[in-house]
C-alpha atoms as a PDB file:
ATOM      1  CA  MET A   1     159.601 164.509  20.831  1.00  0.00           C
ATOM      2  CA  VAL A   2     160.232 166.294  17.539  1.00  0.00           C
ATOM      3  CA  TYR A   3     163.840 166.907  16.582  1.00  0.00           C
ATOM      4  CA  HIS A   4     164.705 170.031  14.655  1.00  0.00           C
ATOM      5  CA  ASP A   5     167.954 170.389  12.776  1.00  0.00           C
ATOM      6  CA  ASN A   6     169.713 173.713  12.970  1.00  0.00           C
ATOM      7  CA  ILE A   7     173.193 174.768  12.052  1.00  0.00           C
ATOM      8  CA  GLU A   8     174.342 175.452  15.609  1.00  0.00           C
ATOM      9  CA  GLY A   9     173.447 171.924  16.700  1.00  0.00           C
ATOM     10  CA  LYS A  10     175.068 170.422  13.626  1.00  0.00           C
ATOM     11  CA  ILE A  11     178.271 172.372  14.181  1.00  0.00           C
ATOM     12  CA  LEU A  12     178.382 171.482  17.865  1.00  0.00           C
ATOM     13  CA  GLY A  13     177.946 167.819  16.979  1.00  0.00           C
ATOM     14  CA  TYR A  14     180.604 168.096  14.273  1.00  0.00           C
ATOM     15  CA  CYS A  15     183.100 169.567  16.763  1.00  0.00           C
ATOM     16  CA  ILE A  16     182.390 166.862  19.332  1.00  0.00           C
ATOM     17  CA  ARG A  17     182.732 164.182  16.651  1.00  0.00           C
ATOM     18  CA  GLN A  18     186.101 165.647  15.591  1.00  0.00           C
ATOM     19  CA  PHE A  19     187.475 165.176  19.104  1.00  0.00           C
ATOM     20  CA  ARG A  20     186.155 161.622  19.295  1.00  0.00           C
ATOM     21  CA  GLU A  21     187.431 160.691  15.829  1.00  0.00           C
ATOM     22  CA  ASN A  22     190.879 162.065  16.674  1.00  0.00           C
ATOM     23  CA  LEU A  23     190.986 159.800  19.710  1.00  0.00           C
ATOM     24  CA  LYS A  24     189.705 156.905  17.623  1.00  0.00           C
ATOM     25  CA  THR A  25     192.652 157.186  15.215  1.00  0.00           C
ATOM     26  CA  GLU A  26     194.890 156.250  18.157  1.00  0.00           C
ATOM     27  CA  ASP A  27     192.556 153.707  19.764  1.00  0.00           C
ATOM     28  CA  PRO A  28     189.518 152.124  18.071  1.00  0.00           C
ATOM     29  CA  LYS A  29     187.595 151.874  21.362  1.00  0.00           C
ATOM     30  CA  TRP A  30     186.503 155.529  20.947  1.00  0.00           C
ATOM     31  CA  THR A  31     183.105 154.787  19.472  1.00  0.00           C
ATOM     32  CA  GLN A  32     179.923 156.766  20.094  1.00  0.00           C
ATOM     33  CA  GLU A  33     178.809 154.013  22.431  1.00  0.00           C
ATOM     34  CA  TYR A  34     182.044 154.159  24.416  1.00  0.00           C
ATOM     35  CA  VAL A  35     181.901 157.939  24.854  1.00  0.00           C
ATOM     36  CA  GLY A  36     178.233 157.791  25.788  1.00  0.00           C
ATOM     37  CA  ARG A  37     179.021 155.269  28.512  1.00  0.00           C
ATOM     38  CA  LEU A  38     181.979 157.323  29.782  1.00  0.00           C
ATOM     39  CA  ALA A  39     179.814 160.435  29.877  1.00  0.00           C
ATOM     40  CA  GLY A  40     177.006 158.600  31.628  1.00  0.00           C
ATOM     41  CA  ILE A  41     174.455 159.287  28.911  1.00  0.00           C
ATOM     42  CA  ASP A  42     172.491 156.973  26.675  1.00  0.00           C
ATOM     43  CA  GLU A  43     174.581 155.946  23.661  1.00  0.00           C
ATOM     44  CA  ARG A  44     171.739 156.693  21.243  1.00  0.00           C
ATOM     45  CA  HIS A  45     171.329 160.145  22.745  1.00  0.00           C
ATOM     46  CA  TYR A  46     175.056 160.759  22.377  1.00  0.00           C
ATOM     47  CA  GLY A  47     174.894 159.737  18.710  1.00  0.00           C
ATOM     48  CA  LYS A  48     172.056 162.191  18.118  1.00  0.00           C
ATOM     49  CA  ILE A  49     174.108 164.968  19.712  1.00  0.00           C
ATOM     50  CA  GLU A  50     176.965 164.219  17.285  1.00  0.00           C
ATOM     51  CA  ARG A  51     174.487 164.366  14.402  1.00  0.00           C
ATOM     52  CA  GLY A  52     173.128 167.730  15.551  1.00  0.00           C
ATOM     53  CA  LYS A  53     169.692 166.487  16.542  1.00  0.00           C
ATOM     54  CA  TYR A  54     169.788 168.261  19.929  1.00  0.00           C
ATOM     55  CA  PRO A  55     170.751 171.883  19.271  1.00  0.00           C
ATOM     56  CA  GLN A  56     169.816 172.883  22.822  1.00  0.00           C
ATOM     57  CA  THR A  57     171.954 170.272  24.568  1.00  0.00           C
ATOM     58  CA  SER A  58     172.393 171.223  28.205  1.00  0.00           C
ATOM     59  CA  PHE A  59     175.611 172.625  29.564  1.00  0.00           C
ATOM     60  CA  LEU A  60     175.837 169.712  31.996  1.00  0.00           C
ATOM     61  CA  THR A  61     175.624 167.174  29.159  1.00  0.00           C
ATOM     62  CA  ILE A  62     178.278 169.013  27.132  1.00  0.00           C
ATOM     63  CA  ALA A  63     180.489 169.145  30.225  1.00  0.00           C
ATOM     64  CA  LYS A  64     180.107 165.389  30.724  1.00  0.00           C
ATOM     65  CA  ILE A  65     181.005 164.761  27.074  1.00  0.00           C
ATOM     66  CA  THR A  66     184.080 167.003  27.140  1.00  0.00           C
ATOM     67  CA  LYS A  67     185.245 165.319  30.340  1.00  0.00           C
ATOM     68  CA  ALA A  68     184.829 161.889  28.736  1.00  0.00           C
ATOM     69  CA  LEU A  69     186.808 163.076  25.705  1.00  0.00           C
ATOM     70  CA  ASN A  70     189.480 164.676  27.914  1.00  0.00           C
ATOM     71  CA  CYS A  71     188.771 167.972  26.182  1.00  0.00           C
ATOM     72  CA  SER A  72     188.218 171.313  27.869  1.00  0.00           C
ATOM     73  CA  LEU A  73     184.995 173.247  27.434  1.00  0.00           C
ATOM     74  CA  ASP A  74     187.108 176.201  26.297  1.00  0.00           C
ATOM     75  CA  THR A  75     188.702 174.185  23.516  1.00  0.00           C
ATOM     76  CA  LEU A  76     185.361 172.817  22.355  1.00  0.00           C
ATOM     77  CA  PHE A  77     183.843 176.301  22.357  1.00  0.00           C
ATOM     78  CA  GLU A  78     186.804 177.767  20.435  1.00  0.00           C
ATOM     79  CA  ASN A  79     186.423 175.079  17.765  1.00  0.00           C
ATOM     80  CA  TYR A  80     182.659 175.636  17.688  1.00  0.00           C
ATOM     81  CA  GLU A  81     183.061 179.403  17.199  1.00  0.00           C
ATOM     82  CA  ARG A  82     185.637 178.872  14.446  1.00  0.00           C
ATOM     83  CA  GLU A  83     183.421 176.384  12.583  1.00  0.00           C
ATOM     84  CA  LEU A  84     180.320 178.572  12.980  1.00  0.00           C
ATOM     85  CA  LEU A  85     182.161 181.605  11.625  1.00  0.00           C
ATOM     86  CA  ALA A  86     183.490 179.581   8.683  1.00  0.00           C
ATOM     87  CA  TYR A  87     179.950 178.395   7.922  1.00  0.00           C
ATOM     88  CA  LYS A  88     178.593 181.948   8.071  1.00  0.00           C
ATOM     89  CA  LYS A  89     181.330 183.155   5.734  1.00  0.00           C
ATOM     90  CA  ARG A  90     180.602 180.370   3.246  1.00  0.00           C
ATOM     91  CA  SER A  91     176.887 181.101   3.353  1.00  0.00           C
ATOM     92  CA  GLY A  92     177.390 184.855   2.974  1.00  0.00           C
ATOM     93  CA  GLU A  93     176.003 185.696   6.417  1.00  0.00           C
ATOM     94  CA  VAL A  94     179.183 187.622   7.270  1.00  0.00           C
ATOM     95  CA  ASP A  95     181.693 189.422   5.097  1.00  0.00           C
ATOM     96  CA  GLU A  96     185.129 187.958   4.473  1.00  0.00           C
ATOM     97  CA  GLU A  97     187.751 189.890   6.411  1.00  0.00           C
END
């Protein structure tokens, strides 16, 4: 399988990683491997999601990850939209308001 990087996948992975890293500051067990196991997905696959290698990650997989991180889908999506908009502003794709 060929992996294609795109900004949406990278931003999604970044947002997921933020949640995990925040948990990790309180408890070092929150590694990629730990979250992958909690979510019931392969740890390597989970790591690739965090790195943005799967821009078309399924809704079910994202739901499993947010459940493992004790994060709502709404919160993840809000963070994703905010980060995507910030990226587009920095890259000149949208005007500053």
